[in-house]
Amino acid sequence: MDEFIHKELFEKIENKTKIKSEDIFAVVDSVKDANFKDEETIRYLVRQLSSLANVPVSEDIEDSIIDSIINHNGILDFNHLGEITDKK
């Protein structure tokens, strides 16, 4: 049952973002021990995800995402990130 849920979740993510689950796992593996209080680490991740999704991210949005993550002690707040991208 658990495996089915995970498969279904990743199928939804793939359909919505057009990013393959293998690519998502590769990104996750590349940052699993990363310091999300470090600006360069976050900037690298934002650019990598932007490239995978084939969605350009302006420098202003990139800076806002970085500031948001750093100001939340390295925690990704997807609701707040959604607000940032919706405003721009």
PDB file of N, CA and C in Angstrom:
ATOM      1  N   MET A   1       0.821  -1.197   0.000  1.00  0.00           N
ATOM      2  CA  MET A   1       0.000   0.000   0.000  1.00  0.00           C
ATOM      3  C   MET A   1       0.861   1.256   0.000  1.00  0.00           C
ATOM      4  N   ASP A   2       1.864   1.297   0.871  1.00  0.00           N
ATOM      5  CA  ASP A   2       2.751   2.454   0.957  1.00  0.00           C
ATOM      6  C   ASP A   2       3.453   2.724  -0.371  1.00  0.00           C
ATOM      7  N   GLU A   3       3.932   1.663  -0.998  1.00  0.00           N
ATOM      8  CA  GLU A   3       4.620   1.805  -2.283  1.00  0.00           C
ATOM      9  C   GLU A   3       3.679   2.388  -3.336  1.00  0.00           C
ATOM     10  N   PHE A   4       2.418   1.980  -3.317  1.00  0.00           N
ATOM     11  CA  PHE A   4       1.431   2.498  -4.259  1.00  0.00           C
ATOM     12  C   PHE A   4       1.235   3.994  -4.057  1.00  0.00           C
ATOM     13  N   ILE A   5       1.147   4.419  -2.801  1.00  0.00           N
ATOM     14  CA  ILE A   5       0.962   5.843  -2.498  1.00  0.00           C
ATOM     15  C   ILE A   5       2.147   6.648  -3.006  1.00  0.00           C
ATOM     16  N   HIS A   6       3.358   6.158  -2.760  1.00  0.00           N
ATOM     17  CA  HIS A   6       4.551   6.865  -3.224  1.00  0.00           C
ATOM     18  C   HIS A   6       4.579   6.953  -4.744  1.00  0.00           C
ATOM     19  N   LYS A   7       4.248   5.848  -5.400  1.00  0.00           N
ATOM     20  CA  LYS A   7       4.238   5.837  -6.862  1.00  0.00           C
ATOM     21  C   LYS A   7       3.201   6.823  -7.397  1.00  0.00           C
ATOM     22  N   GLU A   8       2.023   6.815  -6.799  1.00  0.00           N
ATOM     23  CA  GLU A   8       0.957   7.722  -7.220  1.00  0.00           C
ATOM     24  C   GLU A   8       1.359   9.184  -6.991  1.00  0.00           C
ATOM     25  N   LEU A   9       1.986   9.458  -5.862  1.00  0.00           N
ATOM     26  CA  LEU A   9       2.437  10.815  -5.555  1.00  0.00           C
ATOM     27  C   LEU A   9       3.444  11.297  -6.591  1.00  0.00           C
ATOM     28  N   PHE A  10       4.420  10.468  -6.911  1.00  0.00           N
ATOM     29  CA  PHE A  10       5.433  10.878  -7.883  1.00  0.00           C
ATOM     30  C   PHE A  10       4.869  10.984  -9.292  1.00  0.00           C
ATOM     31  N   GLU A  11       3.872  10.179  -9.607  1.00  0.00           N
ATOM     32  CA  GLU A  11       3.216  10.330 -10.911  1.00  0.00           C
ATOM     33  C   GLU A  11       2.519  11.683 -11.003  1.00  0.00           C
ATOM     34  N   LYS A  12       1.888  12.099  -9.915  1.00  0.00           N
ATOM     35  CA  LYS A  12       1.236  13.413  -9.888  1.00  0.00           C
ATOM     36  C   LYS A  12       2.264  14.529 -10.025  1.00  0.00           C
ATOM     37  N   ILE A  13       3.374  14.391  -9.317  1.00  0.00           N
ATOM     38  CA  ILE A  13       4.433  15.403  -9.403  1.00  0.00           C
ATOM     39  C   ILE A  13       4.976  15.468 -10.823  1.00  0.00           C
ATOM     40  N   GLU A  14       5.230  14.309 -11.419  1.00  0.00           N
ATOM     41  CA  GLU A  14       5.742  14.275 -12.792  1.00  0.00           C
ATOM     42  C   GLU A  14       4.761  14.915 -13.766  1.00  0.00           C
ATOM     43  N   ASN A  15       3.488  14.610 -13.615  1.00  0.00           N
ATOM     44  CA  ASN A  15       2.485  15.178 -14.521  1.00  0.00           C
ATOM     45  C   ASN A  15       2.375  16.684 -14.378  1.00  0.00           C
ATOM     46  N   LYS A  16       2.480  17.166 -13.156  1.00  0.00           N
ATOM     47  CA  LYS A  16       2.331  18.602 -12.923  1.00  0.00           C
ATOM     48  C   LYS A  16       3.585  19.381 -13.308  1.00  0.00           C
ATOM     49  N   THR A  17       4.752  18.838 -12.990  1.00  0.00           N
ATOM     50  CA  THR A  17       5.999  19.584 -13.195  1.00  0.00           C
ATOM     51  C   THR A  17       6.758  19.178 -14.448  1.00  0.00           C
ATOM     52  N   LYS A  18       6.424  18.016 -14.998  1.00  0.00           N
ATOM     53  CA  LYS A  18       7.152  17.451 -16.145  1.00  0.00           C
ATOM     54  C   LYS A  18       8.597  17.098 -15.782  1.00  0.00           C
ATOM     55  N   ILE A  19       8.842  16.882 -14.488  1.00  0.00           N
ATOM     56  CA  ILE A  19      10.160  16.457 -14.022  1.00  0.00           C
ATOM     57  C   ILE A  19      10.059  14.984 -13.650  1.00  0.00           C
ATOM     58  N   LYS A  20      10.968  14.170 -14.170  1.00  0.00           N
ATOM     59  CA  LYS A  20      10.964  12.739 -13.891  1.00  0.00           C
ATOM     60  C   LYS A  20      11.334  12.488 -12.430  1.00  0.00           C
ATOM     61  N   SER A  21      10.743  11.444 -11.858  1.00  0.00           N
ATOM     62  CA  SER A  21      11.024  11.122 -10.457  1.00  0.00           C
ATOM     63  C   SER A  21      12.504  10.824 -10.241  1.00  0.00           C
ATOM     64  N   GLU A  22      13.163  10.242 -11.238  1.00  0.00           N
ATOM     65  CA  GLU A  22      14.597   9.966 -11.119  1.00  0.00           C
ATOM     66  C   GLU A  22      15.381  11.268 -10.947  1.00  0.00           C
ATOM     67  N   ASP A  23      14.959  12.299 -11.665  1.00  0.00           N
ATOM     68  CA  ASP A  23      15.623  13.598 -11.551  1.00  0.00           C
ATOM     69  C   ASP A  23      15.371  14.222 -10.184  1.00  0.00           C
ATOM     70  N   ILE A  24      14.160  14.049  -9.675  1.00  0.00           N
ATOM     71  CA  ILE A  24      13.838  14.567  -8.344  1.00  0.00           C
ATOM     72  C   ILE A  24      14.715  13.887  -7.301  1.00  0.00           C
ATOM     73  N   PHE A  25      14.825  12.559  -7.391  1.00  0.00           N
ATOM     74  CA  PHE A  25      15.661  11.832  -6.437  1.00  0.00           C
ATOM     75  C   PHE A  25      17.126  12.243  -6.556  1.00  0.00           C
ATOM     76  N   ALA A  26      17.591  12.515  -7.759  1.00  0.00           N
ATOM     77  CA  ALA A  26      18.975  12.952  -7.944  1.00  0.00           C
ATOM     78  C   ALA A  26      19.216  14.290  -7.249  1.00  0.00           C
ATOM     79  N   VAL A  27      18.267  15.202  -7.374  1.00  0.00           N
ATOM     80  CA  VAL A  27      18.392  16.498  -6.701  1.00  0.00           C
ATOM     81  C   VAL A  27      18.366  16.306  -5.188  1.00  0.00           C
ATOM     82  N   VAL A  28      17.437  15.489  -4.715  1.00  0.00           N
ATOM     83  CA  VAL A  28      17.339  15.230  -3.273  1.00  0.00           C
ATOM     84  C   VAL A  28      18.642  14.638  -2.756  1.00  0.00           C
ATOM     85  N   ASP A  29      19.191  13.664  -3.474  1.00  0.00           N
ATOM     86  CA  ASP A  29      20.455  13.061  -3.056  1.00  0.00           C
ATOM     87  C   ASP A  29      21.589  14.083  -3.035  1.00  0.00           C
ATOM     88  N   SER A  30      21.571  15.012  -3.982  1.00  0.00           N
ATOM     89  CA  SER A  30      22.665  15.983  -4.062  1.00  0.00           C
ATOM     90  C   SER A  30      22.631  17.004  -2.929  1.00  0.00           C
ATOM     91  N   VAL A  31      21.481  17.160  -2.282  1.00  0.00           N
ATOM     92  CA  VAL A  31      21.379  18.168  -1.218  1.00  0.00           C
ATOM     93  C   VAL A  31      20.954  17.590   0.133  1.00  0.00           C
ATOM     94  N   LYS A  32      20.937  16.278   0.254  1.00  0.00           N
ATOM     95  CA  LYS A  32      20.420  15.684   1.488  1.00  0.00           C
ATOM     96  C   LYS A  32      21.230  16.070   2.724  1.00  0.00           C
ATOM     97  N   ASP A  33      22.501  16.360   2.572  1.00  0.00           N
ATOM     98  CA  ASP A  33      23.325  16.786   3.705  1.00  0.00           C
ATOM     99  C   ASP A  33      23.721  18.252   3.580  1.00  0.00           C
ATOM    100  N   ALA A  34      22.996  18.984   2.762  1.00  0.00           N
ATOM    101  CA  ALA A  34      23.348  20.379   2.481  1.00  0.00           C
ATOM    102  C   ALA A  34      22.992  21.294   3.650  1.00  0.00           C
ATOM    103  N   ASN A  35      23.699  22.409   3.693  1.00  0.00           N
ATOM    104  CA  ASN A  35      23.455  23.446   4.688  1.00  0.00           C
ATOM    105  C   ASN A  35      22.492  24.464   4.082  1.00  0.00           C
ATOM    106  N   PHE A  36      21.235  24.425   4.496  1.00  0.00           N
ATOM    107  CA  PHE A  36      20.235  25.324   3.933  1.00  0.00           C
ATOM    108  C   PHE A  36      20.226  26.694   4.598  1.00  0.00           C
ATOM    109  N   LYS A  37      21.296  26.991   5.312  1.00  0.00           N
ATOM    110  CA  LYS A  37      21.502  28.345   5.819  1.00  0.00           C
ATOM    111  C   LYS A  37      22.570  29.043   4.983  1.00  0.00           C
ATOM    112  N   ASP A  38      23.100  28.325   3.998  1.00  0.00           N
ATOM    113  CA  ASP A  38      24.151  28.841   3.125  1.00  0.00           C
ATOM    114  C   ASP A  38      23.545  29.324   1.811  1.00  0.00           C
ATOM    115  N   GLU A  39      23.755  30.591   1.508  1.00  0.00           N
ATOM    116  CA  GLU A  39      23.151  31.201   0.319  1.00  0.00           C
ATOM    117  C   GLU A  39      23.547  30.496  -0.970  1.00  0.00           C
ATOM    118  N   GLU A  40      24.807  30.154  -1.129  1.00  0.00           N
ATOM    119  CA  GLU A  40      25.263  29.515  -2.371  1.00  0.00           C
ATOM    120  C   GLU A  40      24.626  28.142  -2.568  1.00  0.00           C
ATOM    121  N   THR A  41      24.457  27.403  -1.486  1.00  0.00           N
ATOM    122  CA  THR A  41      23.809  26.092  -1.568  1.00  0.00           C
ATOM    123  C   THR A  41      22.369  26.230  -2.045  1.00  0.00           C
ATOM    124  N   ILE A  42      21.662  27.182  -1.464  1.00  0.00           N
ATOM    125  CA  ILE A  42      20.260  27.392  -1.836  1.00  0.00           C
ATOM    126  C   ILE A  42      20.164  27.885  -3.274  1.00  0.00           C
ATOM    127  N   ARG A  43      21.044  28.812  -3.643  1.00  0.00           N
ATOM    128  CA  ARG A  43      21.037  29.353  -5.009  1.00  0.00           C
ATOM    129  C   ARG A  43      21.277  28.228  -6.019  1.00  0.00           C
ATOM    130  N   TYR A  44      22.209  27.331  -5.711  1.00  0.00           N
ATOM    131  CA  TYR A  44      22.491  26.183  -6.581  1.00  0.00           C
ATOM    132  C   TYR A  44      21.239  25.317  -6.740  1.00  0.00           C
ATOM    133  N   LEU A  45      20.554  25.047  -5.627  1.00  0.00           N
ATOM    134  CA  LEU A  45      19.356  24.213  -5.666  1.00  0.00           C
ATOM    135  C   LEU A  45      18.252  24.871  -6.487  1.00  0.00           C
ATOM    136  N   VAL A  46      18.028  26.165  -6.281  1.00  0.00           N
ATOM    137  CA  VAL A  46      16.990  26.881  -7.029  1.00  0.00           C
ATOM    138  C   VAL A  46      17.285  26.817  -8.521  1.00  0.00           C
ATOM    139  N   ARG A  47      18.530  27.032  -8.892  1.00  0.00           N
ATOM    140  CA  ARG A  47      18.900  27.010 -10.313  1.00  0.00           C
ATOM    141  C   ARG A  47      18.774  25.613 -10.899  1.00  0.00           C
ATOM    142  N   GLN A  48      19.135  24.613 -10.114  1.00  0.00           N
ATOM    143  CA  GLN A  48      19.035  23.229 -10.584  1.00  0.00           C
ATOM    144  C   GLN A  48      17.569  22.854 -10.817  1.00  0.00           C
ATOM    145  N   LEU A  49      16.709  23.196  -9.883  1.00  0.00           N
ATOM    146  CA  LEU A  49      15.285  22.886 -10.033  1.00  0.00           C
ATOM    147  C   LEU A  49      14.655  23.685 -11.163  1.00  0.00           C
ATOM    148  N   SER A  50      15.059  24.926 -11.300  1.00  0.00           N
ATOM    149  CA  SER A  50      14.564  25.766 -12.393  1.00  0.00           C
ATOM    150  C   SER A  50      14.923  25.155 -13.739  1.00  0.00           C
ATOM    151  N   SER A  51      16.143  24.679 -13.839  1.00  0.00           N
ATOM    152  CA  SER A  51      16.603  24.059 -15.077  1.00  0.00           C
ATOM    153  C   SER A  51      15.834  22.769 -15.370  1.00  0.00           C
ATOM    154  N   LEU A  52      15.656  21.937 -14.360  1.00  0.00           N
ATOM    155  CA  LEU A  52      14.918  20.684 -14.543  1.00  0.00           C
ATOM    156  C   LEU A  52      13.485  20.931 -14.984  1.00  0.00           C
ATOM    157  N   ALA A  53      12.854  21.928 -14.391  1.00  0.00           N
ATOM    158  CA  ALA A  53      11.456  22.222 -14.699  1.00  0.00           C
ATOM    159  C   ALA A  53      11.315  23.059 -15.960  1.00  0.00           C
ATOM    160  N   ASN A  54      12.446  23.523 -16.480  1.00  0.00           N
ATOM    161  CA  ASN A  54      12.455  24.389 -17.655  1.00  0.00           C
ATOM    162  C   ASN A  54      11.586  25.639 -17.429  1.00  0.00           C
ATOM    163  N   VAL A  55      11.733  26.180 -16.210  1.00  0.00           N
ATOM    164  CA  VAL A  55      10.999  27.382 -15.816  1.00  0.00           C
ATOM    165  C   VAL A  55      12.018  28.422 -15.370  1.00  0.00           C
ATOM    166  N   PRO A  56      12.120  29.514 -16.102  1.00  0.00           N
ATOM    167  CA  PRO A  56      13.084  30.537 -15.697  1.00  0.00           C
ATOM    168  C   PRO A  56      12.675  31.185 -14.374  1.00  0.00           C
ATOM    169  N   VAL A  57      13.671  31.448 -13.546  1.00  0.00           N
ATOM    170  CA  VAL A  57      13.443  32.122 -12.273  1.00  0.00           C
ATOM    171  C   VAL A  57      14.252  33.408 -12.300  1.00  0.00           C
ATOM    172  N   SER A  58      13.558  34.524 -12.144  1.00  0.00           N
ATOM    173  CA  SER A  58      14.251  35.813 -12.169  1.00  0.00           C
ATOM    174  C   SER A  58      15.167  35.937 -10.955  1.00  0.00           C
ATOM    175  N   GLU A  59      16.121  36.840 -11.055  1.00  0.00           N
ATOM    176  CA  GLU A  59      17.046  37.062  -9.951  1.00  0.00           C
ATOM    177  C   GLU A  59      16.291  37.541  -8.708  1.00  0.00           C
ATOM    178  N   ASP A  60      15.256  38.358  -8.897  1.00  0.00           N
ATOM    179  CA  ASP A  60      14.457  38.837  -7.760  1.00  0.00           C
ATOM    180  C   ASP A  60      13.766  37.687  -7.035  1.00  0.00           C
ATOM    181  N   ILE A  61      13.165  36.783  -7.798  1.00  0.00           N
ATOM    182  CA  ILE A  61      12.489  35.637  -7.176  1.00  0.00           C
ATOM    183  C   ILE A  61      13.509  34.730  -6.511  1.00  0.00           C
ATOM    184  N   GLU A  62      14.630  34.497  -7.186  1.00  0.00           N
ATOM    185  CA  GLU A  62      15.688  33.670  -6.617  1.00  0.00           C
ATOM    186  C   GLU A  62      16.138  34.249  -5.276  1.00  0.00           C
ATOM    187  N   ASP A  63      16.380  35.559  -5.235  1.00  0.00           N
ATOM    188  CA  ASP A  63      16.802  36.217  -3.993  1.00  0.00           C
ATOM    189  C   ASP A  63      15.729  36.107  -2.911  1.00  0.00           C
ATOM    190  N   SER A  64      14.466  36.250  -3.291  1.00  0.00           N
ATOM    191  CA  SER A  64      13.364  36.136  -2.324  1.00  0.00           C
ATOM    192  C   SER A  64      13.271  34.727  -1.753  1.00  0.00           C
ATOM    193  N   ILE A  65      13.452  33.733  -2.602  1.00  0.00           N
ATOM    194  CA  ILE A  65      13.430  32.339  -2.144  1.00  0.00           C
ATOM    195  C   ILE A  65      14.568  32.098  -1.163  1.00  0.00           C
ATOM    196  N   ILE A  66      15.751  32.564  -1.519  1.00  0.00           N
ATOM    197  CA  ILE A  66      16.924  32.386  -0.658  1.00  0.00           C
ATOM    198  C   ILE A  66      16.709  33.070   0.685  1.00  0.00           C
ATOM    199  N   ASP A  67      16.248  34.315   0.659  1.00  0.00           N
ATOM    200  CA  ASP A  67      15.995  35.046   1.908  1.00  0.00           C
ATOM    201  C   ASP A  67      14.965  34.325   2.766  1.00  0.00           C
ATOM    202  N   SER A  68      13.922  33.820   2.135  1.00  0.00           N
ATOM    203  CA  SER A  68      12.871  33.123   2.865  1.00  0.00           C
ATOM    204  C   SER A  68      13.416  31.884   3.566  1.00  0.00           C
ATOM    205  N   ILE A  69      14.211  31.104   2.871  1.00  0.00           N
ATOM    206  CA  ILE A  69      14.758  29.876   3.455  1.00  0.00           C
ATOM    207  C   ILE A  69      15.732  30.208   4.573  1.00  0.00           C
ATOM    208  N   ILE A  70      16.607  31.176   4.348  1.00  0.00           N
ATOM    209  CA  ILE A  70      17.580  31.556   5.375  1.00  0.00           C
ATOM    210  C   ILE A  70      16.867  32.120   6.603  1.00  0.00           C
ATOM    211  N   ASN A  71      15.847  32.947   6.392  1.00  0.00           N
ATOM    212  CA  ASN A  71      15.123  33.553   7.516  1.00  0.00           C
ATOM    213  C   ASN A  71      14.239  32.566   8.264  1.00  0.00           C
ATOM    214  N   HIS A  72      13.985  31.399   7.679  1.00  0.00           N
ATOM    215  CA  HIS A  72      13.218  30.350   8.354  1.00  0.00           C
ATOM    216  C   HIS A  72      14.147  29.236   8.831  1.00  0.00           C
ATOM    217  N   ASN A  73      15.397  29.601   9.143  1.00  0.00           N
ATOM    218  CA  ASN A  73      16.394  28.672   9.686  1.00  0.00           C
ATOM    219  C   ASN A  73      16.619  27.447   8.814  1.00  0.00           C
ATOM    220  N   GLY A  74      16.637  27.645   7.511  1.00  0.00           N
ATOM    221  CA  GLY A  74      16.931  26.555   6.594  1.00  0.00           C
ATOM    222  C   GLY A  74      15.763  25.638   6.319  1.00  0.00           C
ATOM    223  N   ILE A  75      14.573  26.039   6.728  1.00  0.00           N
ATOM    224  CA  ILE A  75      13.385  25.209   6.533  1.00  0.00           C
ATOM    225  C   ILE A  75      12.614  25.710   5.319  1.00  0.00           C
ATOM    226  N   LEU A  76      12.224  24.782   4.467  1.00  0.00           N
ATOM    227  CA  LEU A  76      11.441  25.134   3.287  1.00  0.00           C
ATOM    228  C   LEU A  76       9.975  25.261   3.670  1.00  0.00           C
ATOM    229  N   ASP A  77       9.431  26.440   3.527  1.00  0.00           N
ATOM    230  CA  ASP A  77       8.013  26.682   3.778  1.00  0.00           C
ATOM    231  C   ASP A  77       7.346  26.840   2.415  1.00  0.00           C
ATOM    232  N   PHE A  78       6.747  25.762   1.924  1.00  0.00           N
ATOM    233  CA  PHE A  78       6.201  25.763   0.572  1.00  0.00           C
ATOM    234  C   PHE A  78       5.055  26.752   0.403  1.00  0.00           C
ATOM    235  N   ASN A  79       4.289  26.992   1.452  1.00  0.00           N
ATOM    236  CA  ASN A  79       3.219  27.988   1.359  1.00  0.00           C
ATOM    237  C   ASN A  79       3.797  29.372   1.108  1.00  0.00           C
ATOM    238  N   HIS A  80       4.834  29.711   1.864  1.00  0.00           N
ATOM    239  CA  HIS A  80       5.462  31.028   1.688  1.00  0.00           C
ATOM    240  C   HIS A  80       6.155  31.121   0.328  1.00  0.00           C
ATOM    241  N   LEU A  81       6.808  30.053  -0.091  1.00  0.00           N
ATOM    242  CA  LEU A  81       7.466  30.064  -1.402  1.00  0.00           C
ATOM    243  C   LEU A  81       6.443  30.250  -2.514  1.00  0.00           C
ATOM    244  N   GLY A  82       5.278  29.644  -2.353  1.00  0.00           N
ATOM    245  CA  GLY A  82       4.205  29.829  -3.329  1.00  0.00           C
ATOM    246  C   GLY A  82       3.747  31.273  -3.390  1.00  0.00           C
ATOM    247  N   GLU A  83       3.665  31.916  -2.227  1.00  0.00           N
ATOM    248  CA  GLU A  83       3.290  33.331  -2.182  1.00  0.00           C
ATOM    249  C   GLU A  83       4.323  34.192  -2.902  1.00  0.00           C
ATOM    250  N   ILE A  84       5.592  33.873  -2.730  1.00  0.00           N
ATOM    251  CA  ILE A  84       6.667  34.630  -3.380  1.00  0.00           C
ATOM    252  C   ILE A  84       6.533  34.540  -4.890  1.00  0.00           C
ATOM    253  N   THR A  85       6.359  33.339  -5.394  1.00  0.00           N
ATOM    254  CA  THR A  85       6.306  33.165  -6.848  1.00  0.00           C
ATOM    255  C   THR A  85       5.019  33.712  -7.437  1.00  0.00           C
ATOM    256  N   ASP A  86       3.941  33.722  -6.672  1.00  0.00           N
ATOM    257  CA  ASP A  86       2.679  34.281  -7.165  1.00  0.00           C
ATOM    258  C   ASP A  86       2.723  35.799  -7.268  1.00  0.00           C
ATOM    259  N   LYS A  87       3.482  36.448  -6.387  1.00  0.00           N
ATOM    260  CA  LYS A  87       3.567  37.912  -6.370  1.00  0.00           C
ATOM    261  C   LYS A  87       4.355  38.454  -7.543  1.00  0.00           C
ATOM    262  N   LYS A  88       5.347  37.721  -7.979  1.00  0.00           N
ATOM    263  CA  LYS A  88       6.286  38.227  -8.996  1.00  0.00           C
ATOM    264  C   LYS A  88       5.738  38.070 -10.388  1.00  0.00           C
TER     265      LYS A  88
END
